[in-house]
Amino acid sequence: MTNRKMILAGLVMIATLALGPLAPAQTADSSAGKDASARKDAARPGSPEQADPSEEAAIQAQINSVYQSFYNSYRLGPGDILGIYVDKHPEDSVERVAVSPVGQVYYPLMGNVPVAGKTVPQLQTLFTTSISEYIKDPRVTVALLEAQSAKIGVLGDVREPGVKIMARPMRVLDAITLAGGITETGSGTNVSVLRQYDDGRVQMLTVDVKKILKGKASAEENAFLRAGDTIVVHGNTFKKIGKITSVLGVANFISFVTRGGR
């Protein structure tokens, strides 16, 4: 081999080691295939595409409002887990207590207390009034640690976003109707259903509600929801599908709806 050829061969080897093998060019067909399957790919929360700070703040503000509304209006039932805390009286506090199948919790100062059907604020008032016989001016906090009723979440551009109780089998359109319907700024063709699995994966399916209304939706798009599903109507609040689960508040919300506790 001549000196010239040896030099050229050495340069090629150096370039290969430095740059690594080149990735094959993506064809239009493979891109289309990925786009077609992107609607239902399962991925862990934490997309590399990050939300705009102002948009993320708006999303978090809606979620915080939804939490507050849920805790104030949720009717307690069997299996729910409560915490009962009395300020400066740890001996009279209960870290965790489950609502029994007959709708009661046991509290040492009061015995069996019927709680089924009550809201957390109502129960807090009841405990404060009842134990004032034993403790002067008690400051009582009742916390809902786990809500076991079948729930779904509805976020985004709907009139009444919130955590909804599934009292009957429901489809996407039923959930949106329960949330007051889509607002003028919401998209009827761009609705996401987020479903979390036990290993933390979140599956996302895009649904076209307008097609459902016209009777043209696929069976998958118009399937029944599962307890724990979160529906997101895109619009002014949620603008892009790709970054939904990159927002920490959304990931936590999905876990809350799925598992019952924050």
C-alpha atoms as a PDB file:
ATOM      1  CA  MET A   1       0.000   0.000   0.000  1.00  0.00           C
ATOM      2  CA  THR A   2       1.364   3.451  -0.920  1.00  0.00           C
ATOM      3  CA  ASN A   3       1.860   6.106   1.713  1.00  0.00           C
ATOM      4  CA  ARG A   4      -1.057   8.095   0.241  1.00  0.00           C
ATOM      5  CA  LYS A   5      -3.441   5.116   0.536  1.00  0.00           C
ATOM      6  CA  MET A   6      -2.269   4.338   4.072  1.00  0.00           C
ATOM      7  CA  ILE A   7      -2.927   7.930   5.155  1.00  0.00           C
ATOM      8  CA  LEU A   8      -6.435   7.878   3.629  1.00  0.00           C
ATOM      9  CA  ALA A   9      -7.243   4.564   5.308  1.00  0.00           C
ATOM     10  CA  GLY A  10      -6.097   5.917   8.656  1.00  0.00           C
ATOM     11  CA  LEU A  11      -8.283   9.023   8.303  1.00  0.00           C
ATOM     12  CA  VAL A  12     -11.351   6.884   7.520  1.00  0.00           C
ATOM     13  CA  MET A  13     -10.706   4.708  10.591  1.00  0.00           C
ATOM     14  CA  ILE A  14     -10.322   7.757  12.860  1.00  0.00           C
ATOM     15  CA  ALA A  15     -13.556   9.294  11.533  1.00  0.00           C
ATOM     16  CA  THR A  16     -15.439   6.034  12.091  1.00  0.00           C
ATOM     17  CA  LEU A  17     -14.236   5.698  15.673  1.00  0.00           C
ATOM     18  CA  ALA A  18     -15.019   9.332  16.455  1.00  0.00           C
ATOM     19  CA  LEU A  19     -18.486   9.528  14.928  1.00  0.00           C
ATOM     20  CA  GLY A  20     -19.731   5.963  15.343  1.00  0.00           C
ATOM     21  CA  PRO A  21     -21.881   4.178  12.779  1.00  0.00           C
ATOM     22  CA  LEU A  22     -24.314   6.369  10.891  1.00  0.00           C
ATOM     23  CA  ALA A  23     -28.032   5.730  11.598  1.00  0.00           C
ATOM     24  CA  PRO A  24     -29.985   4.679   8.523  1.00  0.00           C
ATOM     25  CA  ALA A  25     -32.131   7.410   7.049  1.00  0.00           C
ATOM     26  CA  GLN A  26     -35.789   7.164   8.130  1.00  0.00           C
ATOM     27  CA  THR A  27     -38.070   6.506   5.229  1.00  0.00           C
ATOM     28  CA  ALA A  28     -41.411   8.204   4.713  1.00  0.00           C
ATOM     29  CA  ASP A  29     -43.124   4.842   5.236  1.00  0.00           C
ATOM     30  CA  SER A  30     -41.492   4.274   8.640  1.00  0.00           C
ATOM     31  CA  SER A  31     -42.400   7.820   9.734  1.00  0.00           C
ATOM     32  CA  ALA A  32     -45.991   7.273   8.731  1.00  0.00           C
ATOM     33  CA  GLY A  33     -46.038   3.989  10.617  1.00  0.00           C
ATOM     34  CA  LYS A  34     -44.784   5.663  13.770  1.00  0.00           C
ATOM     35  CA  ASP A  35     -47.354   8.449  13.442  1.00  0.00           C
ATOM     36  CA  ALA A  36     -50.128   5.907  13.015  1.00  0.00           C
ATOM     37  CA  SER A  37     -49.130   4.007  16.156  1.00  0.00           C
ATOM     38  CA  ALA A  38     -48.291   7.047  18.281  1.00  0.00           C
ATOM     39  CA  ARG A  39     -51.877   7.339  19.437  1.00  0.00           C
ATOM     40  CA  LYS A  40     -51.681   4.202  21.502  1.00  0.00           C
ATOM     41  CA  ASP A  41     -48.011   3.815  22.385  1.00  0.00           C
ATOM     42  CA  ALA A  42     -47.325   3.100  26.057  1.00  0.00           C
ATOM     43  CA  ALA A  43     -44.643   5.284  27.599  1.00  0.00           C
ATOM     44  CA  ARG A  44     -43.421   6.213  31.012  1.00  0.00           C
ATOM     45  CA  PRO A  45     -44.127   9.774  32.224  1.00  0.00           C
ATOM     46  CA  GLY A  46     -41.293  12.103  31.329  1.00  0.00           C
ATOM     47  CA  SER A  47     -41.339  13.037  27.661  1.00  0.00           C
ATOM     48  CA  PRO A  48     -38.265  14.923  26.432  1.00  0.00           C
ATOM     49  CA  GLU A  49     -40.623  17.594  25.096  1.00  0.00           C
ATOM     50  CA  GLN A  50     -41.186  19.974  28.000  1.00  0.00           C
ATOM     51  CA  ALA A  51     -44.226  22.148  28.588  1.00  0.00           C
ATOM     52  CA  ASP A  52     -44.021  25.914  28.378  1.00  0.00           C
ATOM     53  CA  PRO A  53     -43.834  27.274  31.987  1.00  0.00           C
ATOM     54  CA  SER A  54     -46.960  29.415  31.618  1.00  0.00           C
ATOM     55  CA  GLU A  55     -48.887  26.525  30.090  1.00  0.00           C
ATOM     56  CA  GLU A  56     -47.677  24.155  32.799  1.00  0.00           C
ATOM     57  CA  ALA A  57     -48.814  26.655  35.458  1.00  0.00           C
ATOM     58  CA  ALA A  58     -52.280  26.808  33.878  1.00  0.00           C
ATOM     59  CA  ILE A  59     -52.501  23.016  33.812  1.00  0.00           C
ATOM     60  CA  GLN A  60     -51.400  22.752  37.444  1.00  0.00           C
ATOM     61  CA  ALA A  61     -53.901  25.442  38.486  1.00  0.00           C
ATOM     62  CA  GLN A  62     -56.740  23.439  36.924  1.00  0.00           C
ATOM     63  CA  ILE A  63     -55.558  20.222  38.583  1.00  0.00           C
ATOM     64  CA  ASN A  64     -55.304  21.925  42.006  1.00  0.00           C
ATOM     65  CA  SER A  65     -58.852  23.218  41.606  1.00  0.00           C
ATOM     66  CA  VAL A  66     -60.029  19.728  40.653  1.00  0.00           C
ATOM     67  CA  TYR A  67     -58.376  18.216  43.743  1.00  0.00           C
ATOM     68  CA  GLN A  68     -59.996  20.775  46.040  1.00  0.00           C
ATOM     69  CA  SER A  69     -63.428  20.262  44.516  1.00  0.00           C
ATOM     70  CA  PHE A  70     -63.073  16.490  44.774  1.00  0.00           C
ATOM     71  CA  TYR A  71     -62.047  16.483  48.421  1.00  0.00           C
ATOM     72  CA  ASN A  72     -64.868  18.871  49.348  1.00  0.00           C
ATOM     73  CA  SER A  73     -67.607  16.969  47.512  1.00  0.00           C
ATOM     74  CA  TYR A  74     -66.542  13.293  47.597  1.00  0.00           C
ATOM     75  CA  ARG A  75     -68.958  11.066  49.540  1.00  0.00           C
ATOM     76  CA  LEU A  76     -67.114   8.549  51.681  1.00  0.00           C
ATOM     77  CA  GLY A  77     -67.738   4.845  51.238  1.00  0.00           C
ATOM     78  CA  PRO A  78     -66.454   1.407  52.276  1.00  0.00           C
ATOM     79  CA  GLY A  79     -62.754   0.871  51.674  1.00  0.00           C
ATOM     80  CA  ASP A  80     -61.805   4.545  51.786  1.00  0.00           C
ATOM     81  CA  ILE A  81     -58.831   5.328  54.034  1.00  0.00           C
ATOM     82  CA  LEU A  82     -58.891   8.310  56.410  1.00  0.00           C
ATOM     83  CA  GLY A  83     -56.427  10.043  58.670  1.00  0.00           C
ATOM     84  CA  ILE A  84     -57.725  11.810  61.801  1.00  0.00           C
ATOM     85  CA  TYR A  85     -55.321  14.317  63.338  1.00  0.00           C
ATOM     86  CA  VAL A  86     -55.856  16.337  66.535  1.00  0.00           C
ATOM     87  CA  ASP A  87     -53.394  19.203  66.885  1.00  0.00           C
ATOM     88  CA  LYS A  88     -51.092  18.788  69.930  1.00  0.00           C
ATOM     89  CA  HIS A  89     -52.830  15.515  70.834  1.00  0.00           C
ATOM     90  CA  PRO A  90     -50.964  12.749  68.997  1.00  0.00           C
ATOM     91  CA  GLU A  91     -52.374  10.156  71.406  1.00  0.00           C
ATOM     92  CA  ASP A  92     -55.863  10.969  70.080  1.00  0.00           C
ATOM     93  CA  SER A  93     -54.813  11.020  66.433  1.00  0.00           C
ATOM     94  CA  VAL A  94     -55.210   8.089  64.059  1.00  0.00           C
ATOM     95  CA  GLU A  95     -52.745   7.790  61.189  1.00  0.00           C
ATOM     96  CA  ARG A  96     -54.866   5.479  59.016  1.00  0.00           C
ATOM     97  CA  VAL A  97     -58.314   3.995  59.440  1.00  0.00           C
ATOM     98  CA  ALA A  98     -60.410   2.220  56.817  1.00  0.00           C
ATOM     99  CA  VAL A  99     -64.130   2.699  56.336  1.00  0.00           C
ATOM    100  CA  SER A 100     -65.704  -0.669  57.138  1.00  0.00           C
ATOM    101  CA  PRO A 101     -68.076  -2.536  54.792  1.00  0.00           C
ATOM    102  CA  VAL A 102     -70.985  -1.124  56.806  1.00  0.00           C
ATOM    103  CA  GLY A 103     -69.690   2.443  56.390  1.00  0.00           C
ATOM    104  CA  GLN A 104     -68.133   3.089  59.812  1.00  0.00           C
ATOM    105  CA  VAL A 105     -64.724   3.937  61.256  1.00  0.00           C
ATOM    106  CA  TYR A 106     -63.619   3.239  64.812  1.00  0.00           C
ATOM    107  CA  TYR A 107     -62.272   6.212  66.757  1.00  0.00           C
ATOM    108  CA  PRO A 108     -61.280   5.622  70.412  1.00  0.00           C
ATOM    109  CA  LEU A 109     -62.964   8.742  71.834  1.00  0.00           C
ATOM    110  CA  MET A 110     -66.220   8.160  69.949  1.00  0.00           C
ATOM    111  CA  GLY A 111     -66.486   4.447  69.243  1.00  0.00           C
ATOM    112  CA  ASN A 112     -67.923   3.387  65.868  1.00  0.00           C
ATOM    113  CA  VAL A 113     -68.687   6.472  63.823  1.00  0.00           C
ATOM    114  CA  PRO A 114     -70.959   6.266  60.742  1.00  0.00           C
ATOM    115  CA  VAL A 115     -69.150   8.073  57.902  1.00  0.00           C
ATOM    116  CA  ALA A 116     -70.569   6.616  54.663  1.00  0.00           C
ATOM    117  CA  GLY A 117     -72.217   9.283  52.544  1.00  0.00           C
ATOM    118  CA  LYS A 118     -70.539  12.151  54.360  1.00  0.00           C
ATOM    119  CA  THR A 119     -68.002  14.536  52.832  1.00  0.00           C
ATOM    120  CA  VAL A 120     -64.621  15.163  54.447  1.00  0.00           C
ATOM    121  CA  PRO A 121     -65.577  18.709  55.614  1.00  0.00           C
ATOM    122  CA  GLN A 122     -68.788  17.328  57.170  1.00  0.00           C
ATOM    123  CA  LEU A 123     -66.841  14.632  58.969  1.00  0.00           C
ATOM    124  CA  GLN A 124     -64.264  17.128  60.195  1.00  0.00           C
ATOM    125  CA  THR A 125     -67.048  19.248  61.722  1.00  0.00           C
ATOM    126  CA  LEU A 126     -68.593  16.158  63.342  1.00  0.00           C
ATOM    127  CA  PHE A 127     -65.290  15.084  64.936  1.00  0.00           C
ATOM    128  CA  THR A 128     -64.492  18.623  66.128  1.00  0.00           C
ATOM    129  CA  THR A 129     -67.884  18.984  67.792  1.00  0.00           C
ATOM    130  CA  SER A 130     -67.912  15.496  69.312  1.00  0.00           C
ATOM    131  CA  ILE A 131     -64.450  15.486  70.898  1.00  0.00           C
ATOM    132  CA  SER A 132     -64.815  18.995  72.321  1.00  0.00           C
ATOM    133  CA  GLU A 133     -66.411  17.171  75.252  1.00  0.00           C
ATOM    134  CA  TYR A 134     -62.982  15.700  76.026  1.00  0.00           C
ATOM    135  CA  ILE A 135     -60.546  18.264  74.579  1.00  0.00           C
ATOM    136  CA  LYS A 136     -60.906  22.022  74.916  1.00  0.00           C
ATOM    137  CA  ASP A 137     -61.115  23.842  71.581  1.00  0.00           C
ATOM    138  CA  PRO A 138     -59.802  20.906  69.541  1.00  0.00           C
ATOM    139  CA  ARG A 139     -58.288  21.540  66.143  1.00  0.00           C
ATOM    140  CA  VAL A 140     -59.138  18.486  64.088  1.00  0.00           C
ATOM    141  CA  THR A 141     -58.048  17.655  60.560  1.00  0.00           C
ATOM    142  CA  VAL A 142     -59.648  14.764  58.691  1.00  0.00           C
ATOM    143  CA  ALA A 143     -57.700  13.737  55.599  1.00  0.00           C
ATOM    144  CA  LEU A 144     -58.879  11.494  52.786  1.00  0.00           C
ATOM    145  CA  LEU A 145     -55.790   9.351  52.185  1.00  0.00           C
ATOM    146  CA  GLU A 146     -57.244   6.905  49.677  1.00  0.00           C
ATOM    147  CA  ALA A 147     -60.511   7.065  47.768  1.00  0.00           C
ATOM    148  CA  GLN A 148     -61.465   3.586  46.628  1.00  0.00           C
ATOM    149  CA  SER A 149     -64.584   4.357  44.592  1.00  0.00           C
ATOM    150  CA  ALA A 150     -64.240   3.816  40.833  1.00  0.00           C
ATOM    151  CA  LYS A 151     -63.070   7.155  39.450  1.00  0.00           C
ATOM    152  CA  ILE A 152     -62.151   8.796  36.163  1.00  0.00           C
ATOM    153  CA  GLY A 153     -60.528  12.172  35.591  1.00  0.00           C
ATOM    154  CA  VAL A 154     -61.665  14.766  33.051  1.00  0.00           C
ATOM    155  CA  LEU A 155     -59.270  17.657  32.363  1.00  0.00           C
ATOM    156  CA  GLY A 156     -58.778  20.361  29.771  1.00  0.00           C
ATOM    157  CA  ASP A 157     -61.332  22.459  27.923  1.00  0.00           C
ATOM    158  CA  VAL A 158     -64.548  21.140  29.441  1.00  0.00           C
ATOM    159  CA  ARG A 159     -67.048  23.146  31.456  1.00  0.00           C
ATOM    160  CA  GLU A 160     -66.643  21.216  34.722  1.00  0.00           C
ATOM    161  CA  PRO A 161     -63.227  19.484  34.864  1.00  0.00           C
ATOM    162  CA  GLY A 162     -62.875  17.130  37.781  1.00  0.00           C
ATOM    163  CA  VAL A 163     -62.692  13.663  39.238  1.00  0.00           C
ATOM    164  CA  LYS A 164     -65.902  11.849  38.403  1.00  0.00           C
ATOM    165  CA  ILE A 165     -67.319   8.753  40.084  1.00  0.00           C
ATOM    166  CA  MET A 166     -68.198   5.903  37.735  1.00  0.00           C
ATOM    167  CA  ALA A 167     -71.618   4.888  39.029  1.00  0.00           C
ATOM    168  CA  ARG A 168     -72.263   3.005  35.770  1.00  0.00           C
ATOM    169  CA  PRO A 169     -70.316   1.835  32.708  1.00  0.00           C
ATOM    170  CA  MET A 170     -69.154   4.906  30.761  1.00  0.00           C
ATOM    171  CA  ARG A 171     -67.629   5.745  27.405  1.00  0.00           C
ATOM    172  CA  VAL A 172     -65.569   8.839  26.506  1.00  0.00           C
ATOM    173  CA  LEU A 173     -68.622  10.818  25.416  1.00  0.00           C
ATOM    174  CA  ASP A 174     -70.406   9.951  28.685  1.00  0.00           C
ATOM    175  CA  ALA A 175     -67.465  11.279  30.696  1.00  0.00           C
ATOM    176  CA  ILE A 176     -67.314  14.507  28.695  1.00  0.00           C
ATOM    177  CA  THR A 177     -71.066  14.984  29.094  1.00  0.00           C
ATOM    178  CA  LEU A 178     -70.702  14.428  32.856  1.00  0.00           C
ATOM    179  CA  ALA A 179     -68.081  17.209  32.815  1.00  0.00           C
ATOM    180  CA  GLY A 180     -70.519  19.641  31.208  1.00  0.00           C
ATOM    181  CA  GLY A 181     -69.392  19.175  27.616  1.00  0.00           C
ATOM    182  CA  ILE A 182     -66.568  20.686  25.581  1.00  0.00           C
ATOM    183  CA  THR A 183     -66.103  24.459  25.741  1.00  0.00           C
ATOM    184  CA  GLU A 184     -65.841  26.763  22.727  1.00  0.00           C
ATOM    185  CA  THR A 185     -62.038  26.605  22.985  1.00  0.00           C
ATOM    186  CA  GLY A 186     -61.909  22.804  23.173  1.00  0.00           C
ATOM    187  CA  SER A 187     -61.270  20.404  20.308  1.00  0.00           C
ATOM    188  CA  GLY A 188     -63.818  17.696  19.589  1.00  0.00           C
ATOM    189  CA  THR A 189     -61.378  15.941  17.294  1.00  0.00           C
ATOM    190  CA  ASN A 190     -58.442  15.917  19.713  1.00  0.00           C
ATOM    191  CA  VAL A 191     -59.339  14.127  22.942  1.00  0.00           C
ATOM    192  CA  SER A 192     -56.812  11.924  24.759  1.00  0.00           C
ATOM    193  CA  VAL A 193     -57.531   8.978  27.030  1.00  0.00           C
ATOM    194  CA  LEU A 194     -54.633   8.256  29.403  1.00  0.00           C
ATOM    195  CA  ARG A 195     -54.450   4.874  31.119  1.00  0.00           C
ATOM    196  CA  GLN A 196     -51.798   3.921  33.687  1.00  0.00           C
ATOM    197  CA  TYR A 197     -50.714   0.333  34.278  1.00  0.00           C
ATOM    198  CA  ASP A 198     -49.271  -1.280  37.398  1.00  0.00           C
ATOM    199  CA  ASP A 199     -45.687  -0.898  36.120  1.00  0.00           C
ATOM    200  CA  GLY A 200     -46.123   2.875  35.675  1.00  0.00           C
ATOM    201  CA  ARG A 201     -46.567   2.891  31.905  1.00  0.00           C
ATOM    202  CA  VAL A 202     -49.128   5.354  30.580  1.00  0.00           C
ATOM    203  CA  GLN A 203     -50.982   4.408  27.422  1.00  0.00           C
ATOM    204  CA  MET A 204     -52.488   7.220  25.361  1.00  0.00           C
ATOM    205  CA  LEU A 205     -55.319   6.876  22.856  1.00  0.00           C
ATOM    206  CA  THR A 206     -56.539   9.795  20.753  1.00  0.00           C
ATOM    207  CA  VAL A 207     -60.298   9.955  20.255  1.00  0.00           C
ATOM    208  CA  ASP A 208     -62.319  11.981  17.737  1.00  0.00           C
ATOM    209  CA  VAL A 209     -65.571  12.813  19.535  1.00  0.00           C
ATOM    210  CA  LYS A 210     -67.089  14.271  16.377  1.00  0.00           C
ATOM    211  CA  LYS A 211     -66.719  10.876  14.708  1.00  0.00           C
ATOM    212  CA  ILE A 212     -68.416   9.256  17.697  1.00  0.00           C
ATOM    213  CA  LEU A 213     -71.347  11.658  17.385  1.00  0.00           C
ATOM    214  CA  LYS A 214     -71.632  10.813  13.691  1.00  0.00           C
ATOM    215  CA  GLY A 215     -71.459   7.086  14.407  1.00  0.00           C
ATOM    216  CA  LYS A 216     -68.214   6.748  12.447  1.00  0.00           C
ATOM    217  CA  ALA A 217     -65.781   6.017  15.289  1.00  0.00           C
ATOM    218  CA  SER A 218     -63.934   2.731  15.549  1.00  0.00           C
ATOM    219  CA  ALA A 219     -64.807   0.272  18.310  1.00  0.00           C
ATOM    220  CA  GLU A 220     -61.511   1.158  20.019  1.00  0.00           C
ATOM    221  CA  GLU A 221     -62.307   4.887  20.050  1.00  0.00           C
ATOM    222  CA  ASN A 222     -65.799   4.320  21.420  1.00  0.00           C
ATOM    223  CA  ALA A 223     -64.858   1.609  23.935  1.00  0.00           C
ATOM    224  CA  PHE A 224     -65.914   1.661  27.567  1.00  0.00           C
ATOM    225  CA  LEU A 225     -63.601   3.471  29.973  1.00  0.00           C
ATOM    226  CA  ARG A 226     -61.797   1.716  32.802  1.00  0.00           C
ATOM    227  CA  ALA A 227     -61.753   2.977  36.369  1.00  0.00           C
ATOM    228  CA  GLY A 228     -58.655   5.168  36.653  1.00  0.00           C
ATOM    229  CA  ASP A 229     -58.726   6.528  33.102  1.00  0.00           C
ATOM    230  CA  THR A 230     -58.088  10.248  32.598  1.00  0.00           C
ATOM    231  CA  ILE A 231     -59.686  12.080  29.661  1.00  0.00           C
ATOM    232  CA  VAL A 232     -58.007  15.254  28.389  1.00  0.00           C
ATOM    233  CA  VAL A 233     -59.839  17.600  26.001  1.00  0.00           C
ATOM    234  CA  HIS A 234     -57.213  19.649  24.193  1.00  0.00           C
ATOM    235  CA  GLY A 235     -57.607  23.348  23.582  1.00  0.00           C
ATOM    236  CA  ASN A 236     -56.396  26.416  25.427  1.00  0.00           C
ATOM    237  CA  THR A 237     -55.180  24.533  28.539  1.00  0.00           C
ATOM    238  CA  PHE A 238     -53.659  21.379  27.025  1.00  0.00           C
ATOM    239  CA  LYS A 239     -52.236  22.343  23.660  1.00  0.00           C
ATOM    240  CA  LYS A 240     -49.970  19.448  22.658  1.00  0.00           C
ATOM    241  CA  ILE A 241     -50.442  15.709  23.047  1.00  0.00           C
ATOM    242  CA  GLY A 242     -46.739  14.876  23.167  1.00  0.00           C
ATOM    243  CA  LYS A 243     -45.969  16.598  26.442  1.00  0.00           C
ATOM    244  CA  ILE A 244     -48.958  15.655  28.601  1.00  0.00           C
ATOM    245  CA  THR A 245     -47.142  13.178  30.811  1.00  0.00           C
ATOM    246  CA  SER A 246     -43.995  15.322  31.003  1.00  0.00           C
ATOM    247  CA  VAL A 247     -45.919  17.641  33.340  1.00  0.00           C
ATOM    248  CA  LEU A 248     -45.354  16.351  36.867  1.00  0.00           C
ATOM    249  CA  GLY A 249     -48.780  17.464  38.033  1.00  0.00           C
ATOM    250  CA  VAL A 250     -50.473  15.468  35.283  1.00  0.00           C
ATOM    251  CA  ALA A 251     -48.450  12.340  36.045  1.00  0.00           C
ATOM    252  CA  ASN A 252     -49.386  12.635  39.731  1.00  0.00           C
ATOM    253  CA  PHE A 253     -53.021  13.241  38.833  1.00  0.00           C
ATOM    254  CA  ILE A 254     -53.148  10.104  36.682  1.00  0.00           C
ATOM    255  CA  SER A 255     -51.707   8.086  39.593  1.00  0.00           C
ATOM    256  CA  PHE A 256     -54.246   9.624  41.971  1.00  0.00           C
ATOM    257  CA  VAL A 257     -57.204   8.715  39.762  1.00  0.00           C
ATOM    258  CA  THR A 258     -55.802   5.226  39.135  1.00  0.00           C
ATOM    259  CA  ARG A 259     -54.735   4.321  42.666  1.00  0.00           C
ATOM    260  CA  GLY A 260     -56.932   6.497  44.841  1.00  0.00           C
ATOM    261  CA  GLY A 261     -54.245   8.376  46.813  1.00  0.00           C
ATOM    262  CA  ARG A 262     -51.864  11.265  46.205  1.00  0.00           C
END
